[in-house]
Amino acid sequence: MEYVSALVPPVVMAVAFTALIVTMVKSQGGANKAKEDAAVDAVLAAHAEAEGRASGRETA
């Protein structure tokens, strides 16, 4: 019976990990994908603009 108690935690973790991955894959895309992509693009554009301003100040 020791082998059962030794195998239960890894099996439980494997099932939980599989459920996590399935949830992540299912949540990709869908109705909010365009909204999420637009938010990421806005953040990246703001970061690039801030980088441009910072480098412009250093050279001027």
C-alpha atoms as a PDB file:
ATOM      1  CA  MET A   1       0.000   0.000   0.000  1.00  0.00           C
ATOM      2  CA  GLU A   2       2.989   2.319   0.283  1.00  0.00           C
ATOM      3  CA  TYR A   3       3.228   2.449  -3.502  1.00  0.00           C
ATOM      4  CA  VAL A   4      -0.325   3.832  -3.675  1.00  0.00           C
ATOM      5  CA  SER A   5       0.492   6.656  -1.261  1.00  0.00           C
ATOM      6  CA  ALA A   6       3.692   7.301  -3.217  1.00  0.00           C
ATOM      7  CA  LEU A   7       1.839   7.538  -6.550  1.00  0.00           C
ATOM      8  CA  VAL A   8      -1.140   9.649  -5.483  1.00  0.00           C
ATOM      9  CA  PRO A   9       0.609  13.072  -5.259  1.00  0.00           C
ATOM     10  CA  PRO A  10       2.245  12.872  -8.725  1.00  0.00           C
ATOM     11  CA  VAL A  11      -1.001  11.679 -10.285  1.00  0.00           C
ATOM     12  CA  VAL A  12      -2.969  14.494  -8.649  1.00  0.00           C
ATOM     13  CA  MET A  13      -0.398  17.046  -9.819  1.00  0.00           C
ATOM     14  CA  ALA A  14      -0.450  15.630 -13.354  1.00  0.00           C
ATOM     15  CA  VAL A  15      -4.241  15.867 -13.502  1.00  0.00           C
ATOM     16  CA  ALA A  16      -4.179  19.426 -12.131  1.00  0.00           C
ATOM     17  CA  PHE A  17      -1.472  20.453 -14.600  1.00  0.00           C
ATOM     18  CA  THR A  18      -3.402  18.942 -17.498  1.00  0.00           C
ATOM     19  CA  ALA A  19      -6.551  20.801 -16.418  1.00  0.00           C
ATOM     20  CA  LEU A  20      -4.561  24.043 -16.231  1.00  0.00           C
ATOM     21  CA  ILE A  21      -3.153  23.593 -19.735  1.00  0.00           C
ATOM     22  CA  VAL A  22      -6.577  22.699 -21.161  1.00  0.00           C
ATOM     23  CA  THR A  23      -8.068  25.810 -19.549  1.00  0.00           C
ATOM     24  CA  MET A  24      -5.297  28.006 -20.955  1.00  0.00           C
ATOM     25  CA  VAL A  25      -5.701  26.596 -24.460  1.00  0.00           C
ATOM     26  CA  LYS A  26      -9.477  26.986 -24.387  1.00  0.00           C
ATOM     27  CA  SER A  27      -9.229  30.606 -23.230  1.00  0.00           C
ATOM     28  CA  GLN A  28      -7.046  31.575 -26.198  1.00  0.00           C
ATOM     29  CA  GLY A  29      -8.825  33.432 -28.951  1.00  0.00           C
ATOM     30  CA  GLY A  30     -12.560  33.803 -28.881  1.00  0.00           C
ATOM     31  CA  ALA A  31     -14.622  36.954 -28.695  1.00  0.00           C
ATOM     32  CA  ASN A  32     -12.116  38.945 -26.630  1.00  0.00           C
ATOM     33  CA  LYS A  33      -9.051  38.117 -28.736  1.00  0.00           C
ATOM     34  CA  ALA A  34      -9.198  41.320 -30.774  1.00  0.00           C
ATOM     35  CA  LYS A  35      -9.695  43.397 -27.627  1.00  0.00           C
ATOM     36  CA  GLU A  36      -6.756  41.701 -25.887  1.00  0.00           C
ATOM     37  CA  ASP A  37      -4.548  42.100 -28.952  1.00  0.00           C
ATOM     38  CA  ALA A  38      -5.443  45.793 -29.194  1.00  0.00           C
ATOM     39  CA  ALA A  39      -4.574  46.309 -25.523  1.00  0.00           C
ATOM     40  CA  VAL A  40      -1.187  44.629 -25.968  1.00  0.00           C
ATOM     41  CA  ASP A  41      -0.495  46.643 -29.125  1.00  0.00           C
ATOM     42  CA  ALA A  42      -1.338  49.866 -27.269  1.00  0.00           C
ATOM     43  CA  VAL A  43       1.017  49.024 -24.418  1.00  0.00           C
ATOM     44  CA  LEU A  44       3.817  48.115 -26.827  1.00  0.00           C
ATOM     45  CA  ALA A  45       3.297  51.335 -28.803  1.00  0.00           C
ATOM     46  CA  ALA A  46       3.361  53.404 -25.620  1.00  0.00           C
ATOM     47  CA  HIS A  47       6.537  51.666 -24.506  1.00  0.00           C
ATOM     48  CA  ALA A  48       8.191  52.244 -27.890  1.00  0.00           C
ATOM     49  CA  GLU A  49       7.173  55.899 -27.803  1.00  0.00           C
ATOM     50  CA  ALA A  50       8.590  56.307 -24.307  1.00  0.00           C
ATOM     51  CA  GLU A  51      11.830  54.638 -25.426  1.00  0.00           C
ATOM     52  CA  GLY A  52      12.008  57.020 -28.380  1.00  0.00           C
ATOM     53  CA  ARG A  53      11.554  60.042 -26.133  1.00  0.00           C
ATOM     54  CA  ALA A  54      14.179  58.795 -23.702  1.00  0.00           C
ATOM     55  CA  SER A  55      16.738  58.190 -26.439  1.00  0.00           C
ATOM     56  CA  GLY A  56      15.896  61.553 -28.015  1.00  0.00           C
ATOM     57  CA  ARG A  57      16.662  63.385 -24.796  1.00  0.00           C
ATOM     58  CA  GLU A  58      19.996  61.670 -24.360  1.00  0.00           C
ATOM     59  CA  THR A  59      21.266  62.652 -27.809  1.00  0.00           C
ATOM     60  CA  ALA A  60      19.929  66.231 -27.761  1.00  0.00           C
END
